[in-house]
């Protein structure tokens, strides 16, 4: 979450500024503004330096700031920092399509009353309207979802860059992301996943010297259903699919859970193809899946009954 004060500071910063100058613009005390700058710097949204005894501040080059500023410049009469602070950006993250308050609350991890409280001021100003499907952004303001997603992406990058200089984000949501890196990340919020985890189920899957981590503060460990989905996000080639088939079979993964997990990662079709393949014993298979005889031979190698 980003506070109204943080967003306002980002919108008023123009070029290089001192703490005193920023305090004047914000109509706040110097001590309060100094703490605010510390918060922004810890989040990678501003940079500070001291060419002399005076601390000087500049905005970072985060894309989220540029997107926010474009709205502020286009609609000078709308107090975006006031409207977008707190949980509002979290709710807007998921408004790429009309959604009910219940759906938005579940996805953003907030109470339904928070959704109403966040969207009511936006609705009052005509940025949001209600439809039969719930809440939707007016066409003119649809990019607010992009702004919210850019701030979340920036937050993910900050978390990862605290541990790894080189990395690739393979998938992300509001509070979770799937990361590829060559660096070991010891932080307990980064859970090892991907090909190397298959050996824990007696299915050693040789992979390149790459590490994959799933960042989540609400997850204790990676379930077989999630491991399968993470692997398909990383690589949905024939070999990866074959090992996912072995994992699903050997662990008797609950199908409802698997389908829900696949929907979360945007791979519902791939998982549906795997399940259809298993149910039909290979009669229904996509072009990238092995023949049933080839799969049965692989399963026999790992003593997985099919």
Protein backbone atom coordinates (compact mmCIF):
# COMPACT_ATOMS: atom_id res chain seq x y z
CA UNK A 1 0.00 0.00 0.00
CA UNK A 2 1.03 3.58 -0.63
CA UNK A 3 -0.25 6.42 1.51
CA UNK A 4 -1.85 9.61 0.29
CA UNK A 5 1.16 11.57 1.61
CA UNK A 6 3.60 9.39 -0.34
CA UNK A 7 1.64 9.73 -3.57
CA UNK A 8 1.25 13.48 -3.09
CA UNK A 9 4.98 13.91 -2.53
CA UNK A 10 5.69 12.03 -5.75
CA UNK A 11 3.34 14.26 -7.72
CA UNK A 12 4.75 17.54 -6.41
CA UNK A 13 8.42 16.61 -6.73
CA UNK A 14 9.75 18.32 -9.84
CA UNK A 15 13.40 17.89 -10.61
CA UNK A 16 15.66 18.17 -7.60
CA UNK A 17 14.30 19.44 -4.29
CA UNK A 18 15.44 19.84 -0.72
CA UNK A 19 13.51 18.49 2.25
CA UNK A 20 12.65 22.05 3.26
CA UNK A 21 11.33 22.91 -0.20
CA UNK A 22 9.25 19.72 -0.33
CA UNK A 23 7.90 20.42 3.17
CA UNK A 24 6.72 23.83 1.98
CA UNK A 25 4.99 22.30 -1.05
CA UNK A 26 3.27 19.69 1.11
CA UNK A 27 2.47 22.20 3.87
CA UNK A 28 4.07 19.86 6.37
CA UNK A 29 6.84 20.17 8.94
CA UNK A 30 10.44 19.51 7.94
CA UNK A 31 10.71 16.60 10.40
CA UNK A 32 7.54 14.95 9.04
CA UNK A 33 8.73 15.44 5.45
CA UNK A 34 12.15 14.03 6.27
CA UNK A 35 10.51 10.84 7.58
CA UNK A 36 8.29 10.73 4.50
CA UNK A 37 11.34 10.96 2.24
CA UNK A 38 12.93 8.10 4.20
CA UNK A 39 9.85 5.97 3.52
CA UNK A 40 9.87 6.82 -0.18
CA UNK A 41 13.58 6.10 -0.47
CA UNK A 42 13.18 2.71 1.27
CA UNK A 43 10.55 1.88 -1.35
CA UNK A 44 12.82 2.91 -4.22
CA UNK A 45 10.58 5.77 -5.29
CA UNK A 46 13.05 8.60 -4.64
CA UNK A 47 16.81 9.00 -4.48
CA UNK A 48 18.63 11.34 -2.12
CA UNK A 49 22.17 12.65 -2.00
CA UNK A 50 24.15 15.33 -0.16
CA UNK A 51 26.40 17.32 -2.49
CA UNK A 52 26.84 19.65 0.48
CA UNK A 53 25.19 19.78 3.90
CA UNK A 54 21.75 19.85 2.31
CA UNK A 55 19.87 16.64 1.54
CA UNK A 56 18.53 16.72 -2.01
CA UNK A 57 15.74 14.56 -3.41
CA UNK A 58 14.86 13.37 -6.90
CA UNK A 59 12.22 10.93 -8.03
CA UNK A 60 13.31 7.50 -9.22
CA UNK A 61 12.66 6.40 -12.79
CA UNK A 62 9.96 3.93 -11.72
CA UNK A 63 7.36 3.57 -14.48
CA UNK A 64 4.59 3.73 -11.88
CA UNK A 65 5.50 7.34 -11.09
CA UNK A 66 5.43 8.32 -14.75
CA UNK A 67 2.00 6.76 -15.20
CA UNK A 68 0.65 8.49 -12.10
CA UNK A 69 2.08 11.83 -13.19
CA UNK A 70 0.43 11.53 -16.61
CA UNK A 71 -2.98 11.34 -14.91
CA UNK A 72 -2.17 14.24 -12.60
CA UNK A 73 -1.15 16.41 -15.54
CA UNK A 74 -4.16 15.47 -17.66
CA UNK A 75 -6.73 15.93 -14.90
CA UNK A 76 -5.44 18.71 -12.70
CA UNK A 77 -8.87 19.07 -11.04
CA UNK A 78 -8.81 15.50 -9.67
CA UNK A 79 -6.87 14.91 -6.40
CA UNK A 80 -5.39 11.54 -7.39
CA UNK A 81 -3.12 11.15 -4.33
CA UNK A 82 -6.16 11.55 -2.08
CA UNK A 83 -8.21 9.11 -4.15
CA UNK A 84 -5.56 6.42 -4.66
CA UNK A 85 -3.98 6.21 -1.21
CA UNK A 86 -4.45 3.33 1.21
CA UNK A 87 -6.10 0.21 -0.21
CA UNK A 88 -7.48 1.84 -3.36
CA UNK A 89 -4.55 0.86 -5.59
CA UNK A 90 -4.91 -2.73 -4.37
CA UNK A 91 -8.57 -2.75 -5.42
CA UNK A 92 -7.85 -1.03 -8.75
CA UNK A 93 -5.23 -3.68 -9.53
CA UNK A 94 -8.04 -6.12 -10.36
CA UNK A 95 -10.40 -3.76 -12.19
CA UNK A 96 -9.24 -4.73 -15.67
CA UNK A 97 -12.76 -6.09 -16.05
CA UNK A 98 -16.03 -5.36 -14.21
CA UNK A 99 -16.04 -7.12 -10.85
CA UNK A 100 -18.35 -7.32 -7.85
CA UNK A 101 -17.35 -5.92 -4.48
CA UNK A 102 -17.17 -9.48 -3.14
CA UNK A 103 -14.80 -10.54 -5.92
CA UNK A 104 -12.63 -7.44 -5.53
CA UNK A 105 -12.42 -7.92 -1.77
CA UNK A 106 -11.35 -11.56 -2.17
CA UNK A 107 -8.74 -10.78 -4.81
CA UNK A 108 -7.31 -7.71 -3.02
CA UNK A 109 -7.34 -9.42 0.38
CA UNK A 110 -9.43 -6.70 2.03
CA UNK A 111 -12.84 -6.49 3.66
CA UNK A 112 -15.82 -5.71 1.44
CA UNK A 113 -16.39 -2.47 3.35
CA UNK A 114 -12.88 -1.41 2.32
CA UNK A 115 -13.82 -1.89 -1.33
CA UNK A 116 -16.89 0.32 -0.90
CA UNK A 117 -14.87 2.91 0.99
CA UNK A 118 -12.16 2.92 -1.68
CA UNK A 119 -14.43 3.10 -4.71
CA UNK A 120 -17.09 5.48 -3.41
CA UNK A 121 -14.97 8.66 -3.95
CA UNK A 122 -13.98 7.41 -7.40
CA UNK A 123 -17.62 6.76 -8.26
CA UNK A 124 -18.59 10.22 -6.98
CA UNK A 125 -16.10 11.82 -9.40
CA UNK A 126 -17.16 9.67 -12.34
CA UNK A 127 -14.04 7.53 -12.55
CA UNK A 128 -15.94 4.38 -11.58
CA UNK A 129 -19.52 3.29 -12.23
CA UNK A 130 -21.67 0.33 -11.27
CA UNK A 131 -22.94 -2.26 -13.74
CA UNK A 132 -24.90 -5.49 -13.43
CA UNK A 133 -21.52 -7.23 -13.01
CA UNK A 134 -20.33 -4.88 -10.28
CA UNK A 135 -17.86 -2.01 -10.48
CA UNK A 136 -16.09 -0.87 -13.65
CA UNK A 137 -13.75 1.95 -14.62
CA UNK A 138 -14.98 4.51 -17.13
CA UNK A 139 -13.17 4.19 -20.46
CA UNK A 140 -11.28 7.42 -19.88
CA UNK A 141 -9.76 6.06 -16.66
CA UNK A 142 -9.17 2.40 -17.52
CA UNK A 143 -5.41 2.97 -17.30
CA UNK A 144 -5.72 3.42 -13.54
CA UNK A 145 -5.50 -0.36 -13.39
CA UNK A 146 -2.20 -0.10 -15.24
CA UNK A 147 -1.02 2.45 -12.66
CA UNK A 148 -1.97 0.11 -9.81
CA UNK A 149 -0.23 -2.82 -11.48
CA UNK A 150 2.88 -0.73 -12.12
CA UNK A 151 3.14 0.16 -8.42
CA UNK A 152 2.75 -3.51 -7.47
CA UNK A 153 5.39 -4.49 -10.05
CA UNK A 154 7.75 -1.89 -8.61
CA UNK A 155 7.18 -3.30 -5.13
CA UNK A 156 8.03 -6.80 -6.37
CA UNK A 157 11.22 -5.53 -7.99
CA UNK A 158 12.30 -3.85 -4.77
CA UNK A 159 11.79 -7.06 -2.82
CA UNK A 160 13.72 -9.16 -5.33
CA UNK A 161 16.56 -6.68 -5.84
CA UNK A 162 17.28 -6.78 -2.13
CA UNK A 163 18.62 -10.29 -2.85
CA UNK A 164 19.41 -10.62 -6.56
CA UNK A 165 20.88 -8.25 -9.13
CA UNK A 166 19.73 -10.28 -12.15
CA UNK A 167 16.33 -11.90 -12.33
CA UNK A 168 13.19 -12.34 -14.42
CA UNK A 169 9.65 -12.14 -13.11
CA UNK A 170 7.77 -14.98 -14.81
CA UNK A 171 4.37 -14.26 -13.27
CA UNK A 172 3.01 -11.76 -10.79
CA UNK A 173 -0.10 -10.65 -8.98
CA UNK A 174 -0.77 -8.02 -6.34
CA UNK A 175 1.18 -9.64 -3.49
CA UNK A 176 2.86 -12.64 -5.12
CA UNK A 177 5.33 -13.30 -7.91
CA UNK A 178 7.26 -16.12 -9.56
CA UNK A 179 10.95 -15.29 -10.02
CA UNK A 180 13.75 -16.81 -12.06
CA UNK A 181 17.32 -16.04 -10.94
CA UNK A 182 20.77 -17.58 -10.63
CA UNK A 183 21.08 -16.23 -7.10
CA UNK A 184 20.11 -18.09 -3.96
CA UNK A 185 17.52 -16.17 -1.96
CA UNK A 186 17.44 -17.13 1.75
CA UNK A 187 14.44 -14.95 2.65
CA UNK A 188 11.67 -17.31 3.96
CA UNK A 189 9.04 -15.39 1.98
CA UNK A 190 10.74 -16.66 -1.20
CA UNK A 191 9.79 -20.33 -1.59
CA UNK A 192 11.81 -22.60 -3.85
CA UNK A 193 9.73 -23.98 -6.69
CA UNK A 194 10.04 -25.24 -10.25
CA UNK A 195 11.93 -28.28 -11.62
CA UNK A 196 14.29 -28.75 -8.65
CA UNK A 197 11.34 -29.45 -6.31
CA UNK A 198 10.27 -32.56 -8.27
CA UNK A 199 13.01 -34.62 -6.64
CA UNK A 200 11.15 -34.27 -3.33
CA UNK A 201 8.42 -36.43 -4.86
CA UNK A 202 10.82 -39.03 -6.24
CA UNK A 203 10.73 -37.45 -9.69
CA UNK A 204 14.17 -35.89 -10.28
CA UNK A 205 13.84 -33.46 -13.16
CA UNK A 206 17.20 -32.20 -14.34
CA UNK A 207 17.19 -28.49 -15.06
CA UNK A 208 19.62 -25.72 -15.89
CA UNK A 209 21.48 -23.88 -13.16
CA UNK A 210 18.53 -21.61 -12.58
CA UNK A 211 16.61 -21.12 -9.40
CA UNK A 212 12.92 -20.39 -9.23
CA UNK A 213 11.20 -18.79 -6.27
CA UNK A 214 7.60 -18.06 -5.49
CA UNK A 215 7.32 -14.93 -3.38
CA UNK A 216 4.37 -14.99 -0.99
CA UNK A 217 4.00 -13.94 2.62
CA UNK A 218 0.79 -15.95 3.00
CA UNK A 219 2.14 -19.31 1.79
CA UNK A 220 3.92 -21.78 4.07
CA UNK A 221 5.07 -24.14 1.32
CA UNK A 222 4.47 -25.07 -2.30
CA UNK A 223 1.73 -27.67 -2.80
CA UNK A 224 1.91 -30.24 -5.65
CA UNK A 225 -0.88 -28.35 -7.46
CA UNK A 226 1.07 -25.10 -7.27
CA UNK A 227 4.33 -26.81 -8.23
CA UNK A 228 2.64 -28.20 -11.33
CA UNK A 229 1.29 -24.78 -12.28
CA UNK A 230 4.58 -23.01 -11.56
CA UNK A 231 6.38 -25.50 -13.77
CA UNK A 232 3.96 -24.95 -16.65
CA UNK A 233 4.37 -21.17 -16.33
CA UNK A 234 8.15 -21.65 -16.46
CA UNK A 235 8.13 -24.19 -19.31
CA UNK A 236 5.15 -25.90 -20.93
CA UNK A 237 7.26 -28.06 -23.23
CA UNK A 238 6.69 -31.83 -23.65
CA UNK A 239 9.25 -32.81 -20.98
CA UNK A 240 7.86 -30.45 -18.35
CA UNK A 241 4.30 -31.58 -19.13
CA UNK A 242 5.29 -35.24 -18.83
CA UNK A 243 6.73 -34.68 -15.36
CA UNK A 244 3.65 -32.70 -14.34
CA UNK A 245 1.56 -35.67 -15.42
CA UNK A 246 3.70 -37.93 -13.20
CA UNK A 247 3.34 -35.50 -10.30
CA UNK A 248 -0.44 -35.26 -10.65
CA UNK A 249 -0.74 -39.03 -10.83
CA UNK A 250 1.65 -39.93 -8.01
CA UNK A 251 0.28 -37.31 -5.59
CA UNK A 252 -3.42 -37.73 -6.44
CA UNK A 253 -3.80 -33.96 -6.65
CA UNK A 254 -7.34 -32.72 -5.98
CA UNK A 255 -8.73 -31.62 -9.33
CA UNK A 256 -10.87 -28.79 -8.05
CA UNK A 257 -7.88 -27.29 -6.29
CA UNK A 258 -5.75 -27.81 -9.39
CA UNK A 259 -8.25 -26.08 -11.68
CA UNK A 260 -8.61 -23.14 -9.29
CA UNK A 261 -4.84 -22.84 -9.07
CA UNK A 262 -4.50 -23.03 -12.86
CA UNK A 263 -7.03 -20.22 -13.26
CA UNK A 264 -4.99 -18.07 -10.88
CA UNK A 265 -1.89 -18.50 -13.06
CA UNK A 266 -3.72 -18.14 -16.37
CA UNK A 267 -2.99 -21.70 -17.56
CA UNK A 268 -6.46 -23.26 -17.35
CA UNK A 269 -6.27 -24.61 -20.89
CA UNK A 270 -2.92 -26.33 -20.36
CA UNK A 271 -4.11 -28.01 -17.15
CA UNK A 272 -7.41 -29.03 -18.75
CA UNK A 273 -5.40 -30.72 -21.51
CA UNK A 274 -3.35 -32.65 -18.94
CA UNK A 275 -6.46 -33.86 -17.14
CA UNK A 276 -8.18 -34.85 -20.38
CA UNK A 277 -5.05 -36.77 -21.35
CA UNK A 278 -5.01 -38.70 -18.07
CA UNK A 279 -8.74 -39.42 -18.14
CA UNK A 280 -8.64 -40.72 -21.72
CA UNK A 281 -5.34 -42.59 -21.25
CA UNK A 282 -3.75 -40.55 -23.98
CA UNK A 283 -6.60 -40.67 -26.48
CA UNK A 284 -7.18 -36.95 -26.01
CA UNK A 285 -3.83 -35.24 -26.21
CA UNK A 286 -2.41 -32.01 -27.49
CA UNK A 287 0.44 -32.10 -29.96
CA UNK A 288 3.04 -31.48 -27.24
CA UNK A 289 2.09 -34.40 -25.01
CA UNK A 290 3.75 -37.82 -25.37
CA UNK A 291 1.96 -40.90 -26.62
CA UNK A 292 0.39 -42.97 -23.85
CA UNK A 293 2.97 -45.72 -24.35
CA UNK A 294 5.81 -43.21 -23.94
CA UNK A 295 4.22 -41.81 -20.80
CA UNK A 296 3.56 -45.29 -19.38
CA UNK A 297 7.22 -46.15 -19.96
CA UNK A 298 8.34 -43.00 -18.13
CA UNK A 299 5.90 -43.72 -15.30
CA UNK A 300 7.21 -47.26 -14.98
CA UNK A 301 10.76 -45.89 -14.70
CA UNK A 302 9.70 -43.91 -11.62
CA UNK A 303 7.39 -46.65 -10.32
CA UNK A 304 4.30 -44.48 -10.72
CA UNK A 305 1.23 -46.63 -11.46
CA UNK A 306 -0.93 -45.34 -14.32
